[in-house]
C-alpha atoms as a PDB file:
ATOM      1  CA  MET A   1    -169.987  75.071  73.122  1.00  0.00           C
ATOM      2  CA  PRO A   2    -173.057  73.611  71.379  1.00  0.00           C
ATOM      3  CA  ASP A   3    -172.464  70.636  69.118  1.00  0.00           C
ATOM      4  CA  ASP A   4    -173.246  72.691  66.009  1.00  0.00           C
ATOM      5  CA  ALA A   5    -170.897  75.564  66.908  1.00  0.00           C
ATOM      6  CA  PRO A   6    -167.627  75.554  64.983  1.00  0.00           C
ATOM      7  CA  PRO A   7    -164.628  75.106  67.265  1.00  0.00           C
ATOM      8  CA  SER A   8    -162.348  77.992  68.084  1.00  0.00           C
ATOM      9  CA  SER A   9    -158.766  77.850  66.940  1.00  0.00           C
ATOM     10  CA  PRO A  10    -155.816  78.706  69.195  1.00  0.00           C
ATOM     11  CA  VAL A  11    -153.664  81.685  68.257  1.00  0.00           C
ATOM     12  CA  ASP A  12    -149.882  81.550  68.545  1.00  0.00           C
ATOM     13  CA  THR A  13    -148.507  84.625  70.308  1.00  0.00           C
ATOM     14  CA  ALA A  14    -146.120  85.101  67.373  1.00  0.00           C
ATOM     15  CA  ASP A  15    -149.192  85.735  65.192  1.00  0.00           C
ATOM     16  CA  LEU A  16    -150.586  88.612  67.259  1.00  0.00           C
ATOM     17  CA  THR A  17    -151.485  91.746  65.314  1.00  0.00           C
ATOM     18  CA  ALA A  18    -150.946  95.375  66.307  1.00  0.00           C
ATOM     19  CA  GLU A  19    -154.654  95.475  67.216  1.00  0.00           C
ATOM     20  CA  ASP A  20    -154.163  92.450  69.491  1.00  0.00           C
ATOM     21  CA  ARG A  21    -151.300  94.193  71.269  1.00  0.00           C
ATOM     22  CA  ARG A  22    -153.430  97.328  71.785  1.00  0.00           C
ATOM     23  CA  ALA A  23    -156.296  95.202  73.104  1.00  0.00           C
ATOM     24  CA  LEU A  24    -153.969  93.320  75.475  1.00  0.00           C
ATOM     25  CA  ALA A  25    -152.722  96.705  76.733  1.00  0.00           C
ATOM     26  CA  ASP A  26    -156.385  97.601  77.382  1.00  0.00           C
ATOM     27  CA  VAL A  27    -156.756  94.429  79.463  1.00  0.00           C
ATOM     28  CA  ALA A  28    -153.620  95.243  81.471  1.00  0.00           C
ATOM     29  CA  ALA A  29    -154.795  98.836  82.048  1.00  0.00           C
ATOM     30  CA  GLY A  30    -158.363  97.824  82.918  1.00  0.00           C
ATOM     31  CA  ARG A  31    -159.888  99.618  79.913  1.00  0.00           C
ATOM     32  CA  LEU A  32    -162.787  97.180  79.668  1.00  0.00           C
ATOM     33  CA  ILE A  33    -166.474  97.328  78.759  1.00  0.00           C
ATOM     34  CA  ASP A  34    -168.940  94.853  80.258  1.00  0.00           C
ATOM     35  CA  SER A  35    -170.957  92.669  77.877  1.00  0.00           C
ATOM     36  CA  GLU A  36    -174.272  94.301  78.819  1.00  0.00           C
ATOM     37  CA  THR A  37    -173.005  97.760  77.822  1.00  0.00           C
ATOM     38  CA  MET A  38    -171.489  96.411  74.620  1.00  0.00           C
ATOM     39  CA  THR A  39    -174.714  94.640  73.702  1.00  0.00           C
ATOM     40  CA  ARG A  40    -176.683  97.864  74.202  1.00  0.00           C
ATOM     41  CA  ARG A  41    -174.249  99.608  71.835  1.00  0.00           C
ATOM     42  CA  LEU A  42    -174.851  96.851  69.275  1.00  0.00           C
ATOM     43  CA  GLY A  43    -178.637  97.154  69.543  1.00  0.00           C
ATOM     44  CA  GLY A  44    -179.629  94.703  72.275  1.00  0.00           C
ATOM     45  CA  TRP A  45    -179.706  90.978  72.961  1.00  0.00           C
ATOM     46  CA  GLN A  46    -182.716  90.553  70.639  1.00  0.00           C
ATOM     47  CA  ILE A  47    -180.399  91.120  67.649  1.00  0.00           C
ATOM     48  CA  ALA A  48    -179.371  87.455  67.941  1.00  0.00           C
ATOM     49  CA  ARG A  49    -182.960  86.396  67.276  1.00  0.00           C
ATOM     50  CA  SER A  50    -183.630  88.844  64.454  1.00  0.00           C
ATOM     51  CA  HIS A  51    -181.060  87.246  62.132  1.00  0.00           C
ATOM     52  CA  ALA A  52    -181.045  83.726  63.607  1.00  0.00           C
ATOM     53  CA  PRO A  53    -181.308  81.871  60.284  1.00  0.00           C
ATOM     54  CA  ILE A  54    -178.324  83.808  58.956  1.00  0.00           C
ATOM     55  CA  VAL A  55    -175.979  83.206  61.871  1.00  0.00           C
ATOM     56  CA  GLY A  56    -177.092  79.711  62.825  1.00  0.00           C
ATOM     57  CA  LEU A  57    -178.775  80.293  66.191  1.00  0.00           C
ATOM     58  CA  ARG A  58    -181.543  77.748  66.606  1.00  0.00           C
ATOM     59  CA  ARG A  59    -184.612  79.736  67.645  1.00  0.00           C
ATOM     60  CA  ASP A  60    -186.206  76.799  69.431  1.00  0.00           C
ATOM     61  CA  THR A  61    -183.315  75.875  71.746  1.00  0.00           C
ATOM     62  CA  ASP A  62    -180.568  78.481  72.034  1.00  0.00           C
ATOM     63  CA  ALA A  63    -182.391  81.803  72.053  1.00  0.00           C
ATOM     64  CA  PRO A  64    -183.047  83.385  75.431  1.00  0.00           C
ATOM     65  CA  ARG A  65    -186.732  83.574  76.323  1.00  0.00           C
ATOM     66  CA  TRP A  66    -188.507  86.397  78.117  1.00  0.00           C
ATOM     67  CA  PRO A  67    -190.307  86.276  80.367  1.00  0.00           C
ATOM     68  CA  LEU A  68    -188.844  83.117  81.869  1.00  0.00           C
ATOM     69  CA  PRO A  69    -191.392  80.440  82.760  1.00  0.00           C
ATOM     70  CA  ALA A  70    -192.226  80.469  86.479  1.00  0.00           C
ATOM     71  CA  ASP A  71    -190.679  77.022  86.963  1.00  0.00           C
ATOM     72  CA  SER A  72    -187.572  77.808  84.917  1.00  0.00           C
ATOM     73  CA  SER A  73    -184.109  77.478  86.371  1.00  0.00           C
ATOM     74  CA  ALA A  74    -182.748  79.525  83.454  1.00  0.00           C
ATOM     75  CA  GLY A  75    -181.406  83.007  83.900  1.00  0.00           C
ATOM     76  CA  PRO A  76    -178.260  84.423  85.466  1.00  0.00           C
ATOM     77  CA  SER A  77    -176.292  81.855  87.408  1.00  0.00           C
ATOM     78  CA  ALA A  78    -172.889  81.177  88.828  1.00  0.00           C
ATOM     79  CA  GLU A  79    -172.306  78.919  85.827  1.00  0.00           C
ATOM     80  CA  THR A  80    -172.165  81.724  83.236  1.00  0.00           C
ATOM     81  CA  ILE A  81    -168.765  83.050  82.172  1.00  0.00           C
ATOM     82  CA  PRO A  82    -167.972  86.771  82.633  1.00  0.00           C
ATOM     83  CA  LEU A  83    -167.251  88.335  79.231  1.00  0.00           C
ATOM     84  CA  VAL A  84    -165.726  91.787  78.810  1.00  0.00           C
ATOM     85  CA  TRP A  85    -164.678  93.790  75.763  1.00  0.00           C
ATOM     86  CA  THR A  86    -161.559  95.867  75.445  1.00  0.00           C
ATOM     87  CA  GLN A  87    -162.014  99.446  74.307  1.00  0.00           C
ATOM     88  CA  THR A  88    -159.908  98.573  71.264  1.00  0.00           C
ATOM     89  CA  ALA A  89    -162.259  95.679  70.392  1.00  0.00           C
ATOM     90  CA  ALA A  90    -165.339  97.891  70.705  1.00  0.00           C
ATOM     91  CA  ALA A  91    -163.805 100.492  68.376  1.00  0.00           C
ATOM     92  CA  GLU A  92    -162.768  97.823  65.867  1.00  0.00           C
ATOM     93  CA  CYS A  93    -166.282  96.342  65.831  1.00  0.00           C
ATOM     94  CA  GLU A  94    -167.756  99.744  65.098  1.00  0.00           C
ATOM     95  CA  ARG A  95    -165.222 100.290  62.304  1.00  0.00           C
ATOM     96  CA  VAL A  96    -166.078  96.896  60.726  1.00  0.00           C
ATOM     97  CA  ARG A  97    -169.822  97.569  61.048  1.00  0.00           C
ATOM     98  CA  GLN A  98    -169.457 100.929  59.287  1.00  0.00           C
ATOM     99  CA  TRP A  99    -167.324  99.348  56.566  1.00  0.00           C
ATOM    100  CA  LEU A 100    -169.918  96.581  56.017  1.00  0.00           C
ATOM    101  CA  ALA A 101    -172.802  99.088  56.022  1.00  0.00           C
ATOM    102  CA  ALA A 102    -171.208 100.740  52.981  1.00  0.00           C
ATOM    103  CA  PHE A 103    -171.787  97.504  51.065  1.00  0.00           C
ATOM    104  CA  GLY A 104    -175.470  97.343  51.934  1.00  0.00           C
ATOM    105  CA  HIS A 105    -177.378  94.030  51.773  1.00  0.00           C
ATOM    106  CA  GLN A 106    -177.713  94.115  55.593  1.00  0.00           C
ATOM    107  CA  SER A 107    -174.098  92.942  55.954  1.00  0.00           C
ATOM    108  CA  ASP A 108    -173.594  95.100  59.036  1.00  0.00           C
ATOM    109  CA  GLN A 109    -176.768  93.707  60.615  1.00  0.00           C
ATOM    110  CA  ARG A 110    -175.702  90.110  59.961  1.00  0.00           C
ATOM    111  CA  PHE A 111    -172.270  90.873  61.444  1.00  0.00           C
ATOM    112  CA  THR A 112    -173.888  92.457  64.523  1.00  0.00           C
ATOM    113  CA  ALA A 113    -176.221  89.465  64.943  1.00  0.00           C
ATOM    114  CA  ALA A 114    -173.222  87.132  64.717  1.00  0.00           C
ATOM    115  CA  LEU A 115    -171.417  89.181  67.398  1.00  0.00           C
ATOM    116  CA  VAL A 116    -174.353  89.007  69.808  1.00  0.00           C
ATOM    117  CA  THR A 117    -174.962  85.306  69.112  1.00  0.00           C
ATOM    118  CA  THR A 118    -171.303  84.532  69.732  1.00  0.00           C
ATOM    119  CA  MET A 119    -171.386  86.584  72.943  1.00  0.00           C
ATOM    120  CA  ILE A 120    -174.334  84.516  74.173  1.00  0.00           C
ATOM    121  CA  ARG A 121    -172.540  81.268  73.367  1.00  0.00           C
ATOM    122  CA  LEU A 122    -169.354  82.390  75.118  1.00  0.00           C
ATOM    123  CA  ILE A 123    -171.201  83.654  78.216  1.00  0.00           C
ATOM    124  CA  VAL A 124    -173.309  80.510  78.534  1.00  0.00           C
ATOM    125  CA  ASP A 125    -170.955  77.801  77.266  1.00  0.00           C
ATOM    126  CA  GLY A 126    -167.503  79.344  77.647  1.00  0.00           C
ATOM    127  CA  ALA A 127    -164.682  78.781  75.211  1.00  0.00           C
ATOM    128  CA  ASP A 128    -163.597  75.343  74.086  1.00  0.00           C
ATOM    129  CA  GLN A 129    -160.107  75.799  75.497  1.00  0.00           C
ATOM    130  CA  THR A 130    -159.081  76.735  79.043  1.00  0.00           C
ATOM    131  CA  SER A 131    -156.533  79.506  78.500  1.00  0.00           C
ATOM    132  CA  GLY A 132    -154.696  81.518  75.886  1.00  0.00           C
ATOM    133  CA  ILE A 133    -155.931  83.432  72.865  1.00  0.00           C
ATOM    134  CA  ALA A 134    -158.370  81.930  70.376  1.00  0.00           C
ATOM    135  CA  ASP A 135    -160.315  82.872  67.270  1.00  0.00           C
ATOM    136  CA  VAL A 136    -164.007  82.036  67.645  1.00  0.00           C
ATOM    137  CA  PRO A 137    -165.838  81.810  64.290  1.00  0.00           C
ATOM    138  CA  LEU A 138    -168.311  84.640  63.704  1.00  0.00           C
ATOM    139  CA  LEU A 139    -169.567  85.102  60.184  1.00  0.00           C
ATOM    140  CA  PRO A 140    -167.267  84.302  57.252  1.00  0.00           C
ATOM    141  CA  PRO A 141    -164.712  85.730  56.789  1.00  0.00           C
ATOM    142  CA  PHE A 142    -164.680  87.025  60.388  1.00  0.00           C
ATOM    143  CA  ALA A 143    -163.695  85.503  63.713  1.00  0.00           C
ATOM    144  CA  LEU A 144    -163.815  87.011  67.192  1.00  0.00           C
ATOM    145  CA  ARG A 145    -160.419  86.952  68.896  1.00  0.00           C
ATOM    146  CA  VAL A 146    -160.727  86.323  72.649  1.00  0.00           C
ATOM    147  CA  LEU A 147    -158.351  86.133  75.586  1.00  0.00           C
ATOM    148  CA  ILE A 148    -159.259  83.130  77.708  1.00  0.00           C
ATOM    149  CA  ALA A 149    -158.417  82.857  81.399  1.00  0.00           C
ATOM    150  CA  PRO A 150    -159.940  80.495  83.966  1.00  0.00           C
ATOM    151  CA  GLY A 151    -163.505  81.672  84.546  1.00  0.00           C
ATOM    152  CA  GLN A 152    -163.329  84.795  82.370  1.00  0.00           C
ATOM    153  CA  LEU A 153    -163.112  85.947  78.770  1.00  0.00           C
ATOM    154  CA  ALA A 154    -161.991  89.229  77.191  1.00  0.00           C
ATOM    155  CA  VAL A 155    -162.818  90.119  73.584  1.00  0.00           C
ATOM    156  CA  LEU A 156    -159.743  91.440  71.782  1.00  0.00           C
ATOM    157  CA  GLY A 157    -161.615  92.226  68.565  1.00  0.00           C
ATOM    158  CA  PRO A 158    -162.927  90.949  65.261  1.00  0.00           C
ATOM    159  CA  ARG A 159    -160.405  89.519  62.817  1.00  0.00           C
ATOM    160  CA  ALA A 160    -160.847  88.898  59.117  1.00  0.00           C
ATOM    161  CA  ARG A 161    -159.615  85.510  57.959  1.00  0.00           C
ATOM    162  CA  SER A 162    -156.906  87.192  55.881  1.00  0.00           C
ATOM    163  CA  ALA A 163    -155.454  88.545  59.142  1.00  0.00           C
ATOM    164  CA  ILE A 164    -155.642  85.119  60.768  1.00  0.00           C
ATOM    165  CA  ARG A 165    -152.699  82.859  60.067  1.00  0.00           C
END
């Protein structure tokens, strides 16, 4: 993870929520959504750039560039980490976005930008632990709960800090 990214915090299996259990059942059953499809549902990768000052993505170093310079080694590589979403996580994100939209003040857009920014960080840098379940900071008071296995990540869903022990 980048030096300025807050660390994730491990989650004890005794602290799993009903939503976590549904999301883990999705993983076991193969009810998964690839990160490209999920990002399209959220509005596209460019969302991370549109609210960069709000979610802490440094425009000059972390944001993907397009088109890539001819001499660039950037782009898809074997070093990126596969990230998938459970169907439960996708539904929860939509529910949170709708709830935030009711408050106005672009809260839902900031939340969406934080989701996409966090996805980019996880795909490029991976998680800061090697296995288990962790809460990756999103946008206060939210974290993104992820299942971490060697070489792959599955999003279990957003969690509000009050639901995180």
